[in-house]
């Protein structure tokens, strides 16, 4: 790579005029794709495995019998879309499933900042981030593949807990790899590519069940609907494990991370072990002292706190939508789960299509402006759909409350059917706009947080980012569950989510740092390969 001298350092042409290397960034994205496929499989399949073992547990049955008369608890479980009276008797199974499914978010809040910070201080020949991926990904893959083979609830729980812990070990480092290898001015573009790769992993994960079912049914010579779905689980989890290992291998062989050892080449090659140890100790002490001096200014700290608060409210709003959309669609739009899945997929597809333009917008107009524009569009979709709902209910001589009551009592009423025809048609453009708006936000939030922290603390600030987002994903189902319990209908999503998104917009208005100017020159920007 050619370059020129400045202050004794070589400044590359690529750094002087930053241009994203898309093929190499795609290779880096294999790490994020590996985590995405795991979670795409984890959520729907683990809930079914847990439901089976918890339902068969005598201890859970005994506890359920003891608290069966607690009306408040039954109503709360119902607000989560679960039947607390399966088989005619009260059961705590849905509540326990909900608690266990928060483990990955809890572990993320606790451990990802720790491992992100540790990766900033990792000094190896393979770099700072790759050692975490190369250790964590194979172990995660092995634990993931073991889960459907477990035959007792304690064994399942042991595998699940170990899996979510090891995933938290390498998630922040693998996400920090792209910013490490990308000039600050291009991190929005790079994050767009990474999100595309993550979306691809999610698609593979969501479709793996259907593919495995079709192949296994064909090999056994039976119809797909005659196949016990639990027989397919080991193969579905194996697909996820294989992709995790492939992602780690791609990072090992095709992504070149800078040697992060602090010693010079001459000292590393020296055969004098005592001299190497002394020099390494001195270099680490100097590095530690330098890090202590890299404190955020009061204004930068204020921007960081407002940005993290904005992320918390943002994910509270969006997580409620993704978690409860199927229930909303069933109650308000009269569509089944499969159709609701297609509707929510529209958001993902449109988001993927908008990823690269969203990265370009962040670079061209600024990350903060693009995020605020995305939030504004998101809020507009709520406002427009709600306005359409008010208009069509009034046209049928109903209020919103009257519509909800009639819909629950007589969903086949002519007025309800007329309203459904309009809403089912109108939902499509709303979802298209929402998908594009969500990607305008997602692509630019992480780069903004990272640029507040600076080049030397990418892992640490990646951990901060996930602390905020995972905290929201723990809080959102719980808080909206109570909101829904007292509102009595999933139409309350149109109150809860806009309030959370508006709070996010207000928080981000106070962010004053985190932009990267296109003319910035990065010294010694490491190449991806």
Protein backbone atom coordinates (compact mmCIF):
# COMPACT_ATOMS: atom_id res chain seq x y z
CA UNK A 1 0.00 0.00 0.00
CA UNK A 2 1.45 3.35 -1.03
CA UNK A 3 1.49 6.32 1.28
CA UNK A 4 3.22 9.53 2.30
CA UNK A 5 5.08 10.72 5.37
CA UNK A 6 3.58 12.97 8.03
CA UNK A 7 5.29 13.53 11.33
CA UNK A 8 7.33 10.36 10.96
CA UNK A 9 4.24 8.21 10.33
CA UNK A 10 3.07 6.75 7.07
CA UNK A 11 -0.39 7.92 6.04
CA UNK A 12 -1.96 5.64 3.44
CA UNK A 13 -3.89 6.91 0.45
CA UNK A 14 -6.88 4.88 1.61
CA UNK A 15 -6.75 6.70 4.94
CA UNK A 16 -6.37 10.10 3.29
CA UNK A 17 -9.40 9.37 1.09
CA UNK A 18 -11.35 6.74 3.03
CA UNK A 19 -13.24 4.24 0.91
CA UNK A 20 -14.97 1.22 2.33
CA UNK A 21 -13.67 -2.11 1.05
CA UNK A 22 -16.97 -3.93 0.74
CA UNK A 23 -15.66 -7.47 0.05
CA UNK A 24 -13.36 -7.33 3.07
CA UNK A 25 -16.07 -5.83 5.29
CA UNK A 26 -18.40 -8.64 4.25
CA UNK A 27 -15.77 -11.14 5.42
CA UNK A 28 -15.65 -9.34 8.77
CA UNK A 29 -19.45 -9.57 8.90
CA UNK A 30 -19.29 -13.37 9.05
CA UNK A 31 -18.65 -13.04 12.78
CA UNK A 32 -21.86 -11.06 13.32
CA UNK A 33 -23.73 -13.43 11.02
CA UNK A 34 -22.61 -16.31 13.27
CA UNK A 35 -24.18 -14.68 16.34
CA UNK A 36 -27.34 -13.69 14.44
CA UNK A 37 -28.15 -17.22 13.28
CA UNK A 38 -27.73 -18.49 16.83
CA UNK A 39 -30.31 -16.07 18.23
CA UNK A 40 -32.70 -16.58 15.29
CA UNK A 41 -32.83 -20.28 16.21
CA UNK A 42 -32.52 -19.83 19.97
CA UNK A 43 -35.66 -17.81 20.70
CA UNK A 44 -38.38 -19.92 19.01
CA UNK A 45 -36.84 -23.34 19.61
CA UNK A 46 -35.65 -22.95 23.20
CA UNK A 47 -39.12 -21.81 24.26
CA UNK A 48 -40.60 -25.06 22.89
CA UNK A 49 -37.92 -27.19 24.55
CA UNK A 50 -38.44 -25.40 27.87
CA UNK A 51 -42.22 -25.71 27.62
CA UNK A 52 -41.91 -29.48 27.17
CA UNK A 53 -39.61 -30.02 30.15
CA UNK A 54 -41.29 -27.51 32.45
CA UNK A 55 -44.73 -28.96 31.75
CA UNK A 56 -43.44 -32.42 32.65
CA UNK A 57 -41.72 -31.18 35.84
CA UNK A 58 -43.47 -32.34 39.07
CA UNK A 59 -41.89 -29.44 40.97
CA UNK A 60 -43.32 -26.82 38.58
CA UNK A 61 -46.72 -28.53 38.78
CA UNK A 62 -46.57 -28.42 42.57
CA UNK A 63 -45.66 -24.72 42.65
CA UNK A 64 -48.41 -23.97 40.11
CA UNK A 65 -51.00 -25.57 42.37
CA UNK A 66 -49.86 -23.44 45.32
CA UNK A 67 -50.18 -20.08 43.55
CA UNK A 68 -53.13 -20.91 41.29
CA UNK A 69 -55.45 -18.51 43.09
CA UNK A 70 -53.29 -15.41 42.53
CA UNK A 71 -55.46 -13.50 40.07
CA UNK A 72 -52.89 -10.75 39.49
CA UNK A 73 -50.27 -13.26 38.37
CA UNK A 74 -52.68 -15.00 36.01
CA UNK A 75 -53.64 -11.71 34.39
CA UNK A 76 -49.99 -10.75 33.98
CA UNK A 77 -49.16 -14.06 32.27
CA UNK A 78 -52.15 -13.53 29.98
CA UNK A 79 -50.81 -10.07 29.08
CA UNK A 80 -47.71 -11.82 27.71
CA UNK A 81 -49.93 -13.78 25.34
CA UNK A 82 -49.64 -17.04 27.23
CA UNK A 83 -52.39 -19.29 28.59
CA UNK A 84 -51.97 -19.53 32.37
CA UNK A 85 -54.70 -22.15 32.54
CA UNK A 86 -53.43 -24.74 30.08
CA UNK A 87 -55.43 -27.92 30.43
CA UNK A 88 -57.87 -26.16 32.72
CA UNK A 89 -55.38 -25.77 35.60
CA UNK A 90 -53.21 -22.79 36.47
CA UNK A 91 -49.58 -23.21 35.36
CA UNK A 92 -46.42 -21.22 36.02
CA UNK A 93 -44.77 -22.62 32.88
CA UNK A 94 -45.22 -19.43 30.76
CA UNK A 95 -43.80 -17.29 33.58
CA UNK A 96 -40.75 -19.52 33.99
CA UNK A 97 -40.17 -19.54 30.23
CA UNK A 98 -40.26 -15.74 30.20
CA UNK A 99 -37.76 -15.53 33.05
CA UNK A 100 -35.34 -18.03 31.47
CA UNK A 101 -35.54 -16.27 28.10
CA UNK A 102 -34.18 -13.09 29.71
CA UNK A 103 -30.96 -14.87 30.72
CA UNK A 104 -29.16 -13.95 27.49
CA UNK A 105 -30.01 -10.27 27.98
CA UNK A 106 -29.02 -10.34 31.66
CA UNK A 107 -25.72 -12.01 30.85
CA UNK A 108 -25.19 -9.45 28.09
CA UNK A 109 -25.71 -6.54 30.48
CA UNK A 110 -23.35 -8.00 33.08
CA UNK A 111 -20.58 -9.62 31.03
CA UNK A 112 -20.38 -7.92 27.62
CA UNK A 113 -18.95 -4.65 28.98
CA UNK A 114 -16.35 -6.70 30.88
CA UNK A 115 -15.24 -8.72 27.87
CA UNK A 116 -15.39 -5.68 25.62
CA UNK A 117 -12.99 -3.87 27.95
CA UNK A 118 -10.77 -6.96 28.23
CA UNK A 119 -10.53 -7.14 24.43
CA UNK A 120 -9.25 -3.55 24.38
CA UNK A 121 -6.38 -4.79 26.58
CA UNK A 122 -5.69 -8.03 24.73
CA UNK A 123 -2.14 -8.14 23.35
CA UNK A 124 -1.63 -11.09 21.02
CA UNK A 125 -0.19 -11.96 17.63
CA UNK A 126 -3.78 -12.47 16.36
CA UNK A 127 -4.89 -9.02 17.51
CA UNK A 128 -7.32 -7.82 20.17
CA UNK A 129 -10.66 -9.26 19.08
CA UNK A 130 -10.04 -12.49 17.18
CA UNK A 131 -8.76 -14.49 20.17
CA UNK A 132 -12.15 -14.03 21.88
CA UNK A 133 -13.99 -15.15 18.73
CA UNK A 134 -11.72 -18.12 18.10
CA UNK A 135 -12.20 -19.36 21.67
CA UNK A 136 -15.85 -18.40 22.17
CA UNK A 137 -17.39 -19.42 18.83
CA UNK A 138 -16.41 -23.13 18.86
CA UNK A 139 -17.41 -23.54 22.52
CA UNK A 140 -20.73 -21.78 21.84
CA UNK A 141 -21.28 -24.00 18.80
CA UNK A 142 -20.67 -27.16 20.82
CA UNK A 143 -23.01 -26.08 23.64
CA UNK A 144 -25.65 -24.99 21.14
CA UNK A 145 -25.58 -28.36 19.38
CA UNK A 146 -25.91 -30.19 22.72
CA UNK A 147 -29.08 -28.40 23.90
CA UNK A 148 -31.68 -30.47 21.98
CA UNK A 149 -29.97 -33.71 23.01
CA UNK A 150 -30.45 -33.08 26.73
CA UNK A 151 -33.06 -35.33 28.35
CA UNK A 152 -33.61 -33.61 31.71
CA UNK A 153 -34.53 -30.05 32.70
CA UNK A 154 -31.32 -29.52 34.78
CA UNK A 155 -29.21 -30.66 31.81
CA UNK A 156 -31.06 -28.31 29.44
CA UNK A 157 -30.66 -25.40 31.88
CA UNK A 158 -26.94 -26.12 32.33
CA UNK A 159 -26.38 -26.01 28.56
CA UNK A 160 -28.51 -22.88 28.14
CA UNK A 161 -26.73 -20.99 30.93
CA UNK A 162 -23.28 -21.96 29.71
CA UNK A 163 -24.25 -21.10 26.13
CA UNK A 164 -25.50 -17.59 26.90
CA UNK A 165 -22.44 -16.95 29.07
CA UNK A 166 -19.95 -17.98 26.39
CA UNK A 167 -21.89 -15.99 23.77
CA UNK A 168 -21.47 -12.90 25.95
CA UNK A 169 -17.71 -13.58 25.96
CA UNK A 170 -17.24 -12.93 22.24
CA UNK A 171 -20.26 -10.88 21.11
CA UNK A 172 -18.81 -7.45 21.97
CA UNK A 173 -15.32 -8.27 20.58
CA UNK A 174 -16.72 -9.59 17.27
CA UNK A 175 -18.84 -6.46 16.82
CA UNK A 176 -15.84 -4.26 17.73
CA UNK A 177 -13.78 -5.84 14.95
CA UNK A 178 -15.44 -3.83 12.17
CA UNK A 179 -14.87 -0.41 13.80
CA UNK A 180 -11.26 -1.42 14.52
CA UNK A 181 -10.64 -2.02 10.83
CA UNK A 182 -12.72 0.84 9.41
CA UNK A 183 -11.89 4.57 9.32
CA UNK A 184 -14.27 6.52 11.61
CA UNK A 185 -15.82 8.42 8.71
CA UNK A 186 -16.91 5.12 7.13
CA UNK A 187 -18.22 3.28 10.18
CA UNK A 188 -21.87 3.93 9.29
CA UNK A 189 -21.25 2.35 5.87
CA UNK A 190 -19.38 -0.52 7.50
CA UNK A 191 -22.14 -1.06 10.06
CA UNK A 192 -24.66 -1.19 7.22
CA UNK A 193 -22.75 -4.10 5.67
CA UNK A 194 -22.45 -5.82 9.05
CA UNK A 195 -26.20 -5.49 9.59
CA UNK A 196 -26.82 -6.99 6.16
CA UNK A 197 -24.68 -9.98 7.12
CA UNK A 198 -26.54 -10.25 10.42
CA UNK A 199 -29.83 -10.15 8.54
CA UNK A 200 -28.63 -12.94 6.28
CA UNK A 201 -27.77 -15.00 9.37
CA UNK A 202 -31.23 -14.34 10.76
CA UNK A 203 -32.88 -15.43 7.51
CA UNK A 204 -30.84 -18.64 7.43
CA UNK A 205 -31.75 -19.30 11.07
CA UNK A 206 -35.47 -18.67 10.57
CA UNK A 207 -35.65 -20.80 7.42
CA UNK A 208 -33.48 -23.65 8.69
CA UNK A 209 -36.40 -25.28 10.50
CA UNK A 210 -38.52 -25.48 7.34
CA UNK A 211 -35.58 -26.78 5.31
CA UNK A 212 -34.61 -29.43 7.85
CA UNK A 213 -38.25 -30.53 8.20
CA UNK A 214 -38.63 -30.92 4.44
CA UNK A 215 -35.37 -32.87 4.06
CA UNK A 216 -36.01 -35.15 7.04
CA UNK A 217 -39.61 -35.87 6.01
CA UNK A 218 -38.45 -36.70 2.48
CA UNK A 219 -35.72 -39.02 3.76
CA UNK A 220 -38.22 -40.85 6.00
CA UNK A 221 -40.87 -40.99 3.28
CA UNK A 222 -43.57 -39.27 5.35
CA UNK A 223 -45.53 -36.03 5.08
CA UNK A 224 -44.09 -32.97 6.79
CA UNK A 225 -47.13 -32.54 9.03
CA UNK A 226 -46.74 -36.13 10.26
CA UNK A 227 -43.19 -35.53 11.47
CA UNK A 228 -42.68 -34.86 15.18
CA UNK A 229 -40.98 -31.45 15.16
CA UNK A 230 -38.80 -32.40 18.12
CA UNK A 231 -37.03 -34.89 15.83
CA UNK A 232 -35.88 -31.96 13.68
CA UNK A 233 -34.48 -29.87 16.54
CA UNK A 234 -30.99 -31.48 16.74
CA UNK A 235 -30.43 -30.85 13.03
CA UNK A 236 -31.68 -27.26 13.20
CA UNK A 237 -29.32 -26.51 16.09
CA UNK A 238 -26.54 -28.22 14.15
CA UNK A 239 -27.06 -25.76 11.28
CA UNK A 240 -26.59 -22.88 13.71
CA UNK A 241 -23.48 -24.49 15.20
CA UNK A 242 -21.97 -25.06 11.75
CA UNK A 243 -22.46 -21.40 10.78
CA UNK A 244 -20.84 -20.26 14.05
CA UNK A 245 -17.76 -22.38 13.32
CA UNK A 246 -17.64 -21.18 9.70
CA UNK A 247 -17.80 -17.57 10.87
CA UNK A 248 -14.87 -18.13 13.24
CA UNK A 249 -12.83 -19.82 10.49
CA UNK A 250 -13.49 -16.96 8.06
CA UNK A 251 -12.22 -14.47 10.65
CA UNK A 252 -9.15 -16.64 11.29
CA UNK A 253 -8.09 -17.14 7.68
CA UNK A 254 -9.45 -14.12 5.76
CA UNK A 255 -9.51 -11.21 8.22
CA UNK A 256 -6.13 -9.80 9.14
CA UNK A 257 -6.15 -7.97 12.45
CA UNK A 258 -3.10 -5.97 13.50
CA UNK A 259 -0.67 -7.66 15.90
CA UNK A 260 -1.60 -6.01 19.21
CA UNK A 261 1.51 -6.97 21.15
CA UNK A 262 3.21 -3.90 22.59
CA UNK A 263 6.83 -4.93 22.03
CA UNK A 264 8.86 -4.08 18.95
CA UNK A 265 9.61 -6.71 16.32
CA UNK A 266 13.22 -6.84 17.48
CA UNK A 267 12.27 -7.54 21.10
CA UNK A 268 9.65 -10.12 20.08
CA UNK A 269 12.32 -11.95 18.11
CA UNK A 270 14.82 -11.77 20.96
CA UNK A 271 15.75 -15.01 22.66
CA UNK A 272 16.37 -13.24 25.97
CA UNK A 273 13.22 -14.20 27.90
CA UNK A 274 14.03 -11.98 30.89
CA UNK A 275 14.53 -8.98 28.61
CA UNK A 276 11.24 -9.65 26.84
CA UNK A 277 9.31 -9.96 30.10
CA UNK A 278 10.78 -6.76 31.51
CA UNK A 279 10.06 -4.84 28.31
CA UNK A 280 6.53 -6.25 28.13
CA UNK A 281 5.85 -5.28 31.75
CA UNK A 282 7.08 -1.75 31.10
CA UNK A 283 5.04 -1.44 27.89
CA UNK A 284 1.87 -2.60 29.63
CA UNK A 285 2.43 -0.13 32.46
CA UNK A 286 2.84 2.69 29.95
CA UNK A 287 -0.28 1.56 28.09
CA UNK A 288 -2.27 1.47 31.34
CA UNK A 289 -1.09 4.95 32.27
CA UNK A 290 -2.02 6.23 28.83
CA UNK A 291 -5.53 4.74 29.15
CA UNK A 292 -6.04 6.43 32.49
CA UNK A 293 -5.25 9.72 30.79
CA UNK A 294 -7.86 9.11 28.07
CA UNK A 295 -10.85 10.33 30.04
CA UNK A 296 -13.94 11.73 28.45
CA UNK A 297 -14.49 15.44 28.88
CA UNK A 298 -17.60 16.47 30.85
CA UNK A 299 -19.40 17.34 27.60
CA UNK A 300 -18.44 14.02 26.00
CA UNK A 301 -19.63 12.16 29.08
CA UNK A 302 -22.95 14.03 28.92
CA UNK A 303 -23.34 13.08 25.25
CA UNK A 304 -22.58 9.45 26.04
CA UNK A 305 -25.14 9.31 28.87
CA UNK A 306 -27.85 10.90 26.72
CA UNK A 307 -27.03 8.55 23.84
CA UNK A 308 -27.20 5.46 26.07
CA UNK A 309 -30.49 6.71 27.55
CA UNK A 310 -31.77 7.24 24.01
CA UNK A 311 -30.77 3.68 23.09
CA UNK A 312 -32.57 2.34 26.15
CA UNK A 313 -35.86 4.03 25.26
CA UNK A 314 -35.42 3.20 21.58
CA UNK A 315 -35.08 -0.51 22.25
CA UNK A 316 -37.91 -0.43 24.79
CA UNK A 317 -40.17 0.82 22.01
CA UNK A 318 -38.96 -1.46 19.22
CA UNK A 319 -38.65 -4.59 21.38
CA UNK A 320 -42.28 -4.27 22.45
CA UNK A 321 -43.27 -4.21 18.78
CA UNK A 322 -41.22 -7.24 17.75
CA UNK A 323 -42.19 -9.22 20.85
CA UNK A 324 -45.93 -8.58 20.77
CA UNK A 325 -46.63 -7.90 17.07
CA UNK A 326 -47.99 -11.40 16.42
CA UNK A 327 -50.45 -10.99 19.28
CA UNK A 328 -51.40 -7.49 18.08
CA UNK A 329 -51.93 -8.83 14.55
CA UNK A 330 -54.09 -11.68 15.80
CA UNK A 331 -56.27 -9.44 17.97
CA UNK A 332 -56.51 -6.31 15.84
CA UNK A 333 -55.95 -7.53 12.28
CA UNK A 334 -57.45 -11.04 12.64
CA UNK A 335 -54.44 -12.79 11.06
CA UNK A 336 -52.79 -16.01 12.19
CA UNK A 337 -49.22 -16.42 13.40
CA UNK A 338 -47.90 -17.42 9.96
CA UNK A 339 -49.38 -14.30 8.35
CA UNK A 340 -48.09 -12.16 11.22
CA UNK A 341 -44.63 -13.62 10.57
CA UNK A 342 -44.87 -12.51 6.95
CA UNK A 343 -45.89 -9.02 8.05
CA UNK A 344 -42.99 -8.68 10.47
CA UNK A 345 -40.66 -10.07 7.78
CA UNK A 346 -41.59 -7.05 5.62
CA UNK A 347 -39.89 -4.84 8.20
CA UNK A 348 -36.74 -6.99 8.07
CA UNK A 349 -36.65 -7.12 4.27
CA UNK A 350 -37.21 -3.37 3.85
CA UNK A 351 -34.67 -2.73 6.58
CA UNK A 352 -32.09 -4.84 4.75
CA UNK A 353 -32.81 -2.97 1.52
CA UNK A 354 -32.33 0.35 3.32
CA UNK A 355 -29.09 -0.64 5.11
CA UNK A 356 -26.57 0.69 2.58
CA UNK A 357 -28.53 3.91 1.88
CA UNK A 358 -28.78 4.43 5.66
CA UNK A 359 -25.00 4.14 5.97
CA UNK A 360 -24.55 6.64 3.15
CA UNK A 361 -26.98 9.05 4.81
CA UNK A 362 -25.07 8.83 8.09
CA UNK A 363 -21.85 9.72 6.31
CA UNK A 364 -23.41 12.40 4.08
CA UNK A 365 -25.77 14.19 6.48
CA UNK A 366 -24.45 13.13 9.87
CA UNK A 367 -25.30 10.22 12.14
CA UNK A 368 -27.38 12.18 14.63
CA UNK A 369 -29.53 13.78 11.92
CA UNK A 370 -30.08 10.41 10.25
CA UNK A 371 -31.05 8.77 13.56
CA UNK A 372 -33.47 11.60 14.36
CA UNK A 373 -34.95 11.37 10.87
CA UNK A 374 -35.45 7.63 11.35
CA UNK A 375 -37.15 8.19 14.70
CA UNK A 376 -39.34 10.86 13.14
CA UNK A 377 -40.38 8.47 10.35
CA UNK A 378 -41.06 5.72 12.88
CA UNK A 379 -43.31 8.01 14.91
CA UNK A 380 -45.02 9.17 11.73
CA UNK A 381 -45.94 5.58 10.84
CA UNK A 382 -47.64 5.20 14.23
CA UNK A 383 -49.45 8.49 13.80
CA UNK A 384 -50.65 7.70 10.28
CA UNK A 385 -51.84 4.18 11.13
CA UNK A 386 -53.59 5.40 14.27
CA UNK A 387 -55.22 8.23 12.30
CA UNK A 388 -56.44 5.67 9.76
CA UNK A 389 -57.82 3.53 12.59
CA UNK A 390 -59.69 6.50 14.07
CA UNK A 391 -61.06 7.48 10.65
CA UNK A 392 -62.31 4.01 9.72
CA UNK A 393 -63.88 3.39 13.15
CA UNK A 394 -65.70 6.71 13.02
CA UNK A 395 -66.93 5.84 9.54
CA UNK A 396 -68.52 2.78 11.13
CA UNK A 397 -69.99 4.79 14.05
CA UNK A 398 -67.50 3.44 16.59
CA UNK A 399 -64.95 4.94 18.95
CA UNK A 400 -61.58 3.25 19.53
CA UNK A 401 -62.89 1.85 22.81
CA UNK A 402 -66.07 0.69 21.12
CA UNK A 403 -64.08 -0.97 18.36
CA UNK A 404 -61.92 -2.86 20.89
CA UNK A 405 -64.99 -4.00 22.85
CA UNK A 406 -66.95 -5.10 19.75
CA UNK A 407 -63.86 -6.78 18.29
CA UNK A 408 -63.48 -8.87 21.45
CA UNK A 409 -67.21 -9.69 21.74
CA UNK A 410 -68.12 -10.25 18.07
CA UNK A 411 -65.16 -10.25 15.65
CA UNK A 412 -67.47 -11.32 12.81
CA UNK A 413 -69.65 -8.19 13.09
CA UNK A 414 -70.06 -6.33 9.76
CA UNK A 415 -68.49 -3.16 11.18
CA UNK A 416 -65.43 -5.09 12.39
CA UNK A 417 -65.03 -6.85 9.04
CA UNK A 418 -65.20 -3.50 7.24
CA UNK A 419 -62.54 -2.05 9.52
CA UNK A 420 -60.35 -5.14 9.08
CA UNK A 421 -60.40 -4.80 5.28
CA UNK A 422 -59.03 -1.26 5.51
CA UNK A 423 -56.43 -1.97 8.20
CA UNK A 424 -55.10 -5.12 6.51
CA UNK A 425 -54.55 -3.14 3.34
CA UNK A 426 -53.11 -0.08 5.06
CA UNK A 427 -50.61 -1.99 7.22
CA UNK A 428 -48.31 -2.81 4.28
CA UNK A 429 -47.04 0.71 3.42
CA UNK A 430 -46.70 1.41 7.14
CA UNK A 431 -44.44 -1.64 7.59
CA UNK A 432 -42.34 -0.69 4.56
CA UNK A 433 -41.65 2.79 5.95
CA UNK A 434 -41.05 1.40 9.45
CA UNK A 435 -38.46 -1.06 8.10
CA UNK A 436 -36.51 1.66 6.34
CA UNK A 437 -36.76 3.97 9.35
CA UNK A 438 -35.49 1.30 11.74
CA UNK A 439 -32.37 0.75 9.65
CA UNK A 440 -31.65 4.49 9.49
CA UNK A 441 -31.44 4.30 13.28
CA UNK A 442 -29.70 0.94 13.73
CA UNK A 443 -26.88 1.54 11.27
CA UNK A 444 -25.81 4.83 12.84
CA UNK A 445 -26.22 4.37 16.60
CA UNK A 446 -23.25 2.06 17.24
CA UNK A 447 -20.74 4.15 15.22
CA UNK A 448 -21.90 7.27 17.07
CA UNK A 449 -21.30 5.65 20.47
CA UNK A 450 -17.90 4.30 19.39
CA UNK A 451 -16.66 7.65 18.10
CA UNK A 452 -17.42 9.26 21.44
CA UNK A 453 -15.05 6.73 23.02
CA UNK A 454 -12.26 6.91 20.46
CA UNK A 455 -10.10 4.35 18.68
CA UNK A 456 -8.43 2.89 21.77
CA UNK A 457 -11.68 1.94 23.55
CA UNK A 458 -13.82 0.40 20.83
CA UNK A 459 -14.41 -2.81 22.81
CA UNK A 460 -15.29 -0.93 25.98
CA UNK A 461 -17.83 1.32 24.27
CA UNK A 462 -19.28 -1.59 22.31
CA UNK A 463 -19.96 -3.09 25.75
CA UNK A 464 -21.65 0.14 26.86
CA UNK A 465 -23.83 0.04 23.74
CA UNK A 466 -24.99 -3.49 24.51
CA UNK A 467 -25.52 -2.66 28.17
CA UNK A 468 -28.08 -0.04 27.15
CA UNK A 469 -29.79 -2.14 24.48
CA UNK A 470 -29.89 -5.38 26.47
CA UNK A 471 -31.20 -3.57 29.56
CA UNK A 472 -34.07 -2.33 27.40
CA UNK A 473 -34.76 -5.83 26.10
CA UNK A 474 -35.03 -7.04 29.70
CA UNK A 475 -37.29 -4.17 30.73
CA UNK A 476 -39.57 -3.91 27.66
CA UNK A 477 -41.51 -7.21 27.91
CA UNK A 478 -42.01 -6.68 31.64
CA UNK A 479 -43.11 -3.04 31.46
CA UNK A 480 -45.31 -3.52 28.41
CA UNK A 481 -46.80 -6.62 30.03
CA UNK A 482 -48.07 -4.45 32.88
CA UNK A 483 -49.15 -1.75 30.41
CA UNK A 484 -51.14 -4.31 28.43
CA UNK A 485 -52.58 -5.91 31.58
CA UNK A 486 -54.23 -2.66 32.66
CA UNK A 487 -55.17 -1.45 29.15
CA UNK A 488 -56.92 -4.69 28.21
CA UNK A 489 -55.91 -4.72 24.53
CA UNK A 490 -52.81 -4.89 22.34
CA UNK A 491 -53.90 -1.63 20.78
CA UNK A 492 -51.95 -0.18 23.72
CA UNK A 493 -48.81 -0.75 21.61
CA UNK A 494 -49.87 2.48 19.88
CA UNK A 495 -49.42 4.30 23.19
CA UNK A 496 -46.47 2.49 24.74
CA UNK A 497 -44.07 2.36 21.78
CA UNK A 498 -44.55 5.95 20.54
CA UNK A 499 -43.99 7.25 24.09
CA UNK A 500 -40.74 5.25 24.32
CA UNK A 501 -39.59 6.36 20.85
CA UNK A 502 -40.42 9.99 21.60
CA UNK A 503 -38.35 9.73 24.80
CA UNK A 504 -35.48 8.32 22.71
CA UNK A 505 -35.74 11.22 20.27
CA UNK A 506 -35.63 13.75 23.11
CA UNK A 507 -32.56 12.09 24.65
CA UNK A 508 -30.66 12.02 21.35
CA UNK A 509 -31.37 15.71 20.75
CA UNK A 510 -28.91 16.42 23.59
CA UNK A 511 -26.08 14.36 22.04
CA UNK A 512 -23.31 16.69 20.84
CA UNK A 513 -20.50 14.25 19.97
CA UNK A 514 -19.90 11.10 17.94
CA UNK A 515 -19.79 12.43 14.39
CA UNK A 516 -16.88 11.55 12.10
CA UNK A 517 -16.01 13.98 9.32
CA UNK A 518 -15.28 12.54 5.91
CA UNK A 519 -12.03 14.51 5.64
CA UNK A 520 -10.54 12.97 8.78
CA UNK A 521 -7.17 11.29 8.19
CA UNK A 522 -6.53 8.18 10.20
CA UNK A 523 -2.92 7.31 10.89
CA UNK A 524 -1.96 3.70 10.27
CA UNK A 525 -5.49 2.44 9.69
CA UNK A 526 -5.16 -1.38 9.78
CA UNK A 527 -6.23 -3.30 6.70
CA UNK A 528 -8.84 -6.02 6.88
CA UNK A 529 -6.82 -8.36 4.75
